[in-house]
Protein backbone atom coordinates (compact mmCIF):
# COMPACT_ATOMS: atom_id res chain seq x y z
CA UNK A 1 0.23 -10.07 -6.03
CA UNK A 2 -3.46 -10.12 -6.81
CA UNK A 3 -5.80 -12.16 -4.65
CA UNK A 4 -6.79 -14.32 -7.64
CA UNK A 5 -3.18 -15.42 -7.93
CA UNK A 6 -3.09 -16.19 -4.21
CA UNK A 7 -6.02 -18.55 -4.73
CA UNK A 8 -3.88 -20.53 -7.19
CA UNK A 9 -1.21 -21.22 -4.53
CA UNK A 10 -2.08 -23.77 -1.89
CA UNK A 11 0.41 -23.53 0.98
CA UNK A 12 0.00 -22.94 4.72
CA UNK A 13 1.49 -19.46 4.32
CA UNK A 14 -1.13 -18.49 1.71
CA UNK A 15 -3.86 -19.96 3.95
CA UNK A 16 -2.67 -17.54 6.63
CA UNK A 17 -2.72 -14.61 4.22
CA UNK A 18 -6.26 -15.51 3.13
CA UNK A 19 -7.31 -15.70 6.80
CA UNK A 20 -5.89 -12.21 7.37
CA UNK A 21 -7.73 -10.86 4.31
CA UNK A 22 -10.98 -12.58 5.34
CA UNK A 23 -10.92 -10.78 8.69
CA UNK A 24 -9.53 -7.41 7.61
CA UNK A 25 -11.65 -4.40 8.52
CA UNK A 26 -12.53 -1.63 6.10
CA UNK A 27 -10.01 1.18 5.97
CA UNK A 28 -10.41 4.88 6.67
CA UNK A 29 -8.36 7.60 5.08
CA UNK A 30 -8.30 11.39 4.90
CA UNK A 31 -8.86 13.16 1.61
CA UNK A 32 -8.63 16.81 0.72
CA UNK A 33 -8.40 18.83 -2.46
CA UNK A 34 -6.41 21.95 -3.23
CA UNK A 35 -7.79 24.87 -5.20
CA UNK A 36 -5.87 27.65 -6.90
CA UNK A 37 -7.10 31.19 -6.39
CA UNK A 38 -5.52 34.63 -6.60
CA UNK A 39 -3.91 34.18 -3.19
CA UNK A 40 -2.25 30.86 -4.00
CA UNK A 41 -3.21 27.33 -3.19
CA UNK A 42 -5.88 26.83 -0.57
CA UNK A 43 -6.62 23.36 0.80
CA UNK A 44 -10.24 22.40 1.23
CA UNK A 45 -11.38 20.90 4.51
CA UNK A 46 -10.31 17.29 4.70
CA UNK A 47 -12.88 14.54 4.93
CA UNK A 48 -12.66 11.01 6.23
CA UNK A 49 -13.45 8.41 3.59
CA UNK A 50 -14.03 4.69 4.09
CA UNK A 51 -12.66 2.10 1.71
CA UNK A 52 -14.63 -1.13 1.60
CA UNK A 53 -12.75 -4.41 1.51
CA UNK A 54 -15.94 -6.49 1.40
CA UNK A 55 -15.21 -7.93 -2.05
CA UNK A 56 -11.75 -9.09 -0.96
CA UNK A 57 -13.09 -10.52 2.32
CA UNK A 58 -15.79 -12.45 0.49
CA UNK A 59 -13.34 -13.85 -2.05
CA UNK A 60 -10.90 -14.92 0.69
CA UNK A 61 -13.69 -16.57 2.71
CA UNK A 62 -14.91 -18.47 -0.35
CA UNK A 63 -11.39 -19.70 -1.11
CA UNK A 64 -10.83 -20.75 2.51
CA UNK A 65 -14.12 -22.65 2.44
CA UNK A 66 -13.05 -24.38 -0.79
CA UNK A 67 -9.84 -25.41 1.01
CA UNK A 68 -11.72 -26.91 3.97
CA UNK A 69 -11.64 -23.80 6.22
CA UNK A 70 -8.05 -24.02 7.47
CA UNK A 71 -7.50 -21.80 10.48
CA UNK A 72 -4.59 -19.40 10.87
CA UNK A 73 -1.46 -21.37 11.78
CA UNK A 74 1.17 -19.22 13.54
CA UNK A 75 3.91 -21.69 12.58
CA UNK A 76 3.62 -20.36 9.03
CA UNK A 77 3.97 -16.62 9.00
CA UNK A 78 5.96 -14.26 6.86
CA UNK A 79 8.15 -13.08 9.73
CA UNK A 80 9.64 -16.55 10.19
CA UNK A 81 10.91 -16.77 6.64
CA UNK A 82 11.44 -13.56 4.74
CA UNK A 83 13.20 -15.20 1.80
CA UNK A 84 10.67 -18.00 1.32
CA UNK A 85 13.29 -20.77 1.32
CA UNK A 86 11.91 -22.76 4.24
CA UNK A 87 10.60 -26.13 2.94
CA UNK A 88 7.78 -26.21 5.50
CA UNK A 89 6.09 -23.36 3.59
CA UNK A 90 5.42 -25.57 0.60
CA UNK A 91 3.07 -27.77 2.61
C-alpha cells in the first residue's frame, strides 16, 4: 500500500504506521556487480549504499500534524489483530 493511500485512512492503526514511518532511519544495503570475462563471472567488490527515506518521513510527519499529532498507541498494533476484524481498529 502506498503512503498516499495510508493518508486517506484515518484509524488508530494507521496513525501508528505513520508514526513508525516518521521515525524510520535511512537504510543501508550492500551492492555488487558481476562481470563476465574469459575466466567466468567475477564479482566486483561490494559497496555499502544508503537509501534515504527522508521523503517518506516528511510526508508521514505532515500527515500526523494534519491529524493533530497523535502519538503511537500500543493498544493498536498489527500484532494484536492480523486479520483486521477487531472493531477497535476502526476508531
